[in-house]
C-alpha atoms as a PDB file:
ATOM      1  CA  MET A   1     159.311-111.281  26.061  1.00  0.00           C
ATOM      2  CA  ILE A   2     155.386-109.774  26.016  1.00  0.00           C
ATOM      3  CA  ALA A   3     152.586-111.529  24.557  1.00  0.00           C
ATOM      4  CA  PRO A   4     151.301-110.143  20.809  1.00  0.00           C
ATOM      5  CA  GLU A   5     148.351-109.027  22.791  1.00  0.00           C
ATOM      6  CA  GLN A   6     149.487-106.979  25.681  1.00  0.00           C
ATOM      7  CA  TRP A   7     152.105-105.536  23.126  1.00  0.00           C
ATOM      8  CA  TYR A   8     149.190-104.262  21.290  1.00  0.00           C
ATOM      9  CA  ASP A   9     146.970-102.608  24.166  1.00  0.00           C
ATOM     10  CA  TYR A  10     150.651-101.004  25.244  1.00  0.00           C
ATOM     11  CA  GLN A  11     150.575 -99.369  21.571  1.00  0.00           C
ATOM     12  CA  LYS A  12     147.167 -98.030  22.498  1.00  0.00           C
ATOM     13  CA  GLN A  13     148.364 -96.759  25.721  1.00  0.00           C
ATOM     14  CA  TYR A  14     151.036 -95.136  24.316  1.00  0.00           C
ATOM     15  CA  GLN A  15     149.314 -93.104  20.998  1.00  0.00           C
ATOM     16  CA  LYS A  16     147.339 -90.929  23.438  1.00  0.00           C
ATOM     17  CA  TYR A  17     150.245 -89.109  23.920  1.00  0.00           C
ATOM     18  CA  GLY A  18     151.985 -88.850  20.811  1.00  0.00           C
ATOM     19  CA  ILE A  19     154.549 -91.348  21.165  1.00  0.00           C
ATOM     20  CA  ASP A  20     155.209 -93.459  17.903  1.00  0.00           C
ATOM     21  CA  MET A  21     156.392 -96.653  18.792  1.00  0.00           C
ATOM     22  CA  ARG A  22     157.153 -98.661  15.717  1.00  0.00           C
ATOM     23  CA  PRO A  23     160.260 -99.617  14.584  1.00  0.00           C
ATOM     24  CA  LYS A  24     162.067 -97.277  12.516  1.00  0.00           C
ATOM     25  CA  THR A  25     162.789 -98.532   8.956  1.00  0.00           C
ATOM     26  CA  GLU A  26     165.747 -98.773   6.994  1.00  0.00           C
ATOM     27  CA  ARG A  27     165.798 -96.207   4.348  1.00  0.00           C
ATOM     28  CA  LEU A  28     167.006 -97.739   1.193  1.00  0.00           C
ATOM     29  CA  PRO A  29     169.428 -96.020  -1.027  1.00  0.00           C
ATOM     30  CA  ARG A  30     167.956 -93.438  -3.592  1.00  0.00           C
ATOM     31  CA  LYS A  31     168.411 -95.822  -7.298  1.00  0.00           C
ATOM     32  CA  GLU A  32     166.470 -98.521  -5.085  1.00  0.00           C
ATOM     33  CA  ARG A  33     163.405 -96.538  -3.968  1.00  0.00           C
ATOM     34  CA  LEU A  34     163.250 -95.050  -7.179  1.00  0.00           C
ATOM     35  CA  ALA A  35     163.235 -98.307  -8.753  1.00  0.00           C
ATOM     36  CA  ARG A  36     160.830 -99.785  -6.377  1.00  0.00           C
ATOM     37  CA  GLU A  37     158.653 -97.300  -7.423  1.00  0.00           C
ATOM     38  CA  LYS A  38     158.666 -97.321 -11.041  1.00  0.00           C
ATOM     39  CA  GLN A  39     157.898-101.001 -10.276  1.00  0.00           C
ATOM     40  CA  ALA A  40     154.966-100.820  -8.431  1.00  0.00           C
ATOM     41  CA  ARG A  41     153.332 -97.723 -10.528  1.00  0.00           C
ATOM     42  CA  ARG A  42     153.635-100.446 -13.478  1.00  0.00           C
ATOM     43  CA  ASN A  43     152.265-102.994 -11.740  1.00  0.00           C
ATOM     44  CA  ARG A  44     149.321-100.594 -10.917  1.00  0.00           C
ATOM     45  CA  LEU A  45     148.949 -98.990 -14.158  1.00  0.00           C
ATOM     46  CA  SER A  46     149.195-103.021 -15.739  1.00  0.00           C
ATOM     47  CA  LYS A  47     145.881-103.260 -13.440  1.00  0.00           C
ATOM     48  CA  GLY A  48     144.434-100.243 -14.707  1.00  0.00           C
ATOM     49  CA  MET A  49     144.026 -98.665 -10.846  1.00  0.00           C
ATOM     50  CA  VAL A  50     146.334 -95.691 -11.205  1.00  0.00           C
ATOM     51  CA  LEU A  51     147.516 -93.084 -14.064  1.00  0.00           C
ATOM     52  CA  SER A  52     150.796 -91.988 -14.590  1.00  0.00           C
ATOM     53  CA  VAL A  53     151.849 -88.824 -12.872  1.00  0.00           C
ATOM     54  CA  GLY A  54     151.694 -86.284 -16.326  1.00  0.00           C
ATOM     55  CA  SER A  55     148.041 -87.673 -16.951  1.00  0.00           C
ATOM     56  CA  ASP A  56     147.242 -86.866 -13.358  1.00  0.00           C
ATOM     57  CA  HIS A  57     148.097 -83.331 -13.791  1.00  0.00           C
ATOM     58  CA  GLY A  58     146.075 -83.503 -17.470  1.00  0.00           C
ATOM     59  CA  ILE A  59     143.261 -84.836 -15.361  1.00  0.00           C
ATOM     60  CA  MET A  60     143.171 -81.887 -12.462  1.00  0.00           C
ATOM     61  CA  LEU A  61     143.838 -79.374 -14.960  1.00  0.00           C
ATOM     62  CA  SER A  62     140.975 -80.369 -16.951  1.00  0.00           C
ATOM     63  CA  LEU A  63     138.813 -80.607 -13.912  1.00  0.00           C
ATOM     64  CA  ILE A  64     139.592 -77.504 -12.724  1.00  0.00           C
ATOM     65  CA  LEU A  65     139.048 -75.454 -16.185  1.00  0.00           C
ATOM     66  CA  ILE A  66     135.507 -77.776 -15.924  1.00  0.00           C
ATOM     67  CA  CYS A  67     134.785 -76.127 -11.936  1.00  0.00           C
ATOM     68  CA  VAL A  68     135.744 -72.649 -13.616  1.00  0.00           C
ATOM     69  CA  PHE A  69     133.436 -72.657 -16.280  1.00  0.00           C
ATOM     70  CA  SER A  70     130.714 -74.547 -14.405  1.00  0.00           C
ATOM     71  CA  LEU A  71     131.113 -71.310 -12.382  1.00  0.00           C
ATOM     72  CA  VAL A  72     131.283 -68.710 -14.636  1.00  0.00           C
ATOM     73  CA  MET A  73     128.119 -70.244 -16.016  1.00  0.00           C
ATOM     74  CA  VAL A  74     125.942 -69.780 -12.969  1.00  0.00           C
ATOM     75  CA  VAL A  75     127.382 -66.195 -12.537  1.00  0.00           C
ATOM     76  CA  VAL A  76     126.222 -65.759 -16.111  1.00  0.00           C
ATOM     77  CA  MET A  77     122.795 -67.174 -15.136  1.00  0.00           C
ATOM     78  CA  THR A  78     122.389 -65.349 -11.941  1.00  0.00           C
ATOM     79  CA  SER A  79     123.064 -61.903 -13.971  1.00  0.00           C
ATOM     80  CA  TYR A  80     120.826 -62.903 -17.259  1.00  0.00           C
ATOM     81  CA  ALA A  81     117.750 -63.847 -14.603  1.00  0.00           C
ATOM     82  CA  ALA A  82     118.353 -60.650 -12.722  1.00  0.00           C
ATOM     83  CA  LYS A  83     117.900 -58.818 -16.167  1.00  0.00           C
ATOM     84  CA  ILE A  84     115.057 -60.661 -17.279  1.00  0.00           C
ATOM     85  CA  THR A  85     113.519 -60.057 -13.430  1.00  0.00           C
ATOM     86  CA  TYR A  86     114.098 -56.285 -13.992  1.00  0.00           C
ATOM     87  CA  ASP A  87     112.613 -56.177 -17.344  1.00  0.00           C
ATOM     88  CA  ILE A  88     109.467 -57.796 -15.929  1.00  0.00           C
ATOM     89  CA  ASN A  89     109.247 -55.391 -12.721  1.00  0.00           C
ATOM     90  CA  GLU A  90     109.472 -52.855 -15.729  1.00  0.00           C
ATOM     91  CA  ILE A  91     106.727 -54.100 -17.429  1.00  0.00           C
ATOM     92  CA  LYS A  92     104.484 -54.396 -14.147  1.00  0.00           C
ATOM     93  CA  MET A  93     104.700 -50.717 -13.428  1.00  0.00           C
ATOM     94  CA  GLU A  94     103.406 -49.910 -16.968  1.00  0.00           C
ATOM     95  CA  ASN A  95     101.012 -52.305 -16.499  1.00  0.00           C
ATOM     96  CA  ASP A  96      99.975 -50.975 -13.780  1.00  0.00           C
ATOM     97  CA  VAL A  97     100.067 -47.378 -14.984  1.00  0.00           C
ATOM     98  CA  LEU A  98      97.976 -48.252 -18.221  1.00  0.00           C
ATOM     99  CA  SER A  99      95.289 -49.996 -15.878  1.00  0.00           C
ATOM    100  CA  GLY A 100      95.108 -46.883 -14.164  1.00  0.00           C
ATOM    101  CA  GLU A 101      94.463 -45.037 -17.619  1.00  0.00           C
ATOM    102  CA  ILE A 102      91.450 -47.850 -18.628  1.00  0.00           C
ATOM    103  CA  GLU A 103      89.990 -46.853 -15.431  1.00  0.00           C
ATOM    104  CA  ASP A 104      89.591 -43.437 -15.491  1.00  0.00           C
ATOM    105  CA  LEU A 105      88.908 -43.717 -19.132  1.00  0.00           C
ATOM    106  CA  ASP A 106      85.739 -46.389 -17.778  1.00  0.00           C
ATOM    107  CA  VAL A 107      84.776 -43.368 -15.478  1.00  0.00           C
ATOM    108  CA  LYS A 108      84.696 -40.994 -18.000  1.00  0.00           C
ATOM    109  CA  MET A 109      83.043 -43.080 -20.420  1.00  0.00           C
ATOM    110  CA  LEU A 110      79.969 -44.350 -17.754  1.00  0.00           C
ATOM    111  CA  SER A 111      79.503 -40.427 -16.867  1.00  0.00           C
ATOM    112  CA  SER A 112      79.602 -39.444 -20.280  1.00  0.00           C
ATOM    113  CA  THR A 113      76.842 -41.699 -21.587  1.00  0.00           C
ATOM    114  CA  THR A 114      73.982 -40.457 -18.616  1.00  0.00           C
ATOM    115  CA  ILE A 115      70.936 -38.705 -20.092  1.00  0.00           C
ATOM    116  CA  THR A 116      71.866 -35.590 -17.894  1.00  0.00           C
ATOM    117  CA  TYR A 117      75.481 -35.125 -19.552  1.00  0.00           C
ATOM    118  CA  ILE A 118      74.409 -35.920 -23.085  1.00  0.00           C
ATOM    119  CA  GLU A 119      71.733 -33.070 -22.455  1.00  0.00           C
ATOM    120  CA  GLY A 120      73.707 -31.005 -21.216  1.00  0.00           C
ATOM    121  CA  GLN A 121      76.231 -31.018 -23.742  1.00  0.00           C
ATOM    122  CA  ALA A 122      73.780 -31.144 -26.529  1.00  0.00           C
ATOM    123  CA  LYS A 123      72.593 -27.950 -24.819  1.00  0.00           C
ATOM    124  CA  ASP A 124      75.448 -25.989 -24.338  1.00  0.00           C
ATOM    125  CA  LYS A 125      77.493 -27.254 -27.983  1.00  0.00           C
ATOM    126  CA  MET A 126      74.567 -27.638 -30.277  1.00  0.00           C
ATOM    127  CA  GLY A 127      72.523 -24.905 -28.991  1.00  0.00           C
ATOM    128  CA  MET A 128      69.524 -27.509 -28.512  1.00  0.00           C
ATOM    129  CA  LYS A 129      66.599 -26.385 -26.379  1.00  0.00           C
ATOM    130  CA  SER A 130      64.136 -28.139 -24.736  1.00  0.00           C
ATOM    131  CA  PRO A 131      60.390 -28.525 -26.530  1.00  0.00           C
ATOM    132  CA  ASP A 132      57.626 -26.478 -25.461  1.00  0.00           C
ATOM    133  CA  SER A 133      54.137 -27.529 -24.587  1.00  0.00           C
ATOM    134  CA  GLY A 134      53.361 -27.359 -28.418  1.00  0.00           C
ATOM    135  CA  HIS A 135      55.763 -29.143 -29.472  1.00  0.00           C
ATOM    136  CA  ARG A 136      55.577 -32.642 -27.489  1.00  0.00           C
ATOM    137  CA  VAL A 137      54.017 -35.728 -28.667  1.00  0.00           C
ATOM    138  CA  TYR A 138      51.998 -37.914 -26.478  1.00  0.00           C
ATOM    139  CA  LEU A 139      51.381 -41.331 -27.244  1.00  0.00           C
ATOM    140  CA  SER A 140      48.727 -42.717 -25.416  1.00  0.00           C
ATOM    141  CA  GLU A 141      47.895 -46.491 -24.934  1.00  0.00           C
ATOM    142  CA  THR A 142      44.795 -46.863 -27.594  1.00  0.00           C
ATOM    143  CA  GLU A 143      47.472 -45.776 -29.954  1.00  0.00           C
ATOM    144  CA  ALA A 144      48.414 -48.883 -31.045  1.00  0.00           C
ATOM    145  CA  PRO A 145      51.061 -48.124 -33.403  1.00  0.00           C
ATOM    146  CA  GLU A 146      50.448 -49.916 -36.990  1.00  0.00           C
ATOM    147  CA  TRP A 147      54.025 -49.390 -38.772  1.00  0.00           C
ATOM    148  CA  GLY A 148      56.240 -48.813 -36.004  1.00  0.00           C
ATOM    149  CA  PHE A 149      56.762 -46.003 -33.371  1.00  0.00           C
ATOM    150  CA  ALA A 150      59.350 -44.095 -35.180  1.00  0.00           C
ATOM    151  CA  ASP A 151      56.875 -43.813 -38.026  1.00  0.00           C
ATOM    152  CA  ILE A 152      54.205 -42.207 -35.786  1.00  0.00           C
ATOM    153  CA  LEU A 153      56.391 -39.646 -34.108  1.00  0.00           C
ATOM    154  CA  LYS A 154      57.706 -38.775 -37.549  1.00  0.00           C
ATOM    155  CA  GLU A 155      53.798 -38.096 -39.144  1.00  0.00           C
ATOM    156  CA  LYS A 156      53.250 -36.353 -35.731  1.00  0.00           C
ATOM    157  CA  ALA A 157      56.269 -34.236 -35.933  1.00  0.00           C
ATOM    158  CA  CYS A 158      56.210 -33.139 -39.520  1.00  0.00           C
ATOM    159  CA  ASN A 159      52.187 -32.186 -39.642  1.00  0.00           C
END
């Protein structure tokens, strides 16, 4: 007879090589096996540990459906986010075009408000010409306007 500790070590050595050293159990007839499994299931159900087989399938099906639904929702949200990103990029491109046009208009506005441009437009389109020496009015520092500069110009221009 072998001591239990030695038997345990002996089993460990042979487990490395895949040899099963456990004694064979005698197989019970089918009816007894089913009766024992049924009784064990009832005991587990009464303790609240395990659900019945029918409800296990229902739970598994519902978990699979929830997973599929979650994955579909992830795909839908990803496609929606891609659409929003595309729309944002379109709007940014339109903004770039509009800001370029605004810069062009600013340059045109600044160039059109210079004195030389206004004078050129007045001479070309309106037929104006520079005044002769007789039509010019010079104000000296001694002539201080009493009413205002515009009134003095009007008076001297009309006389």
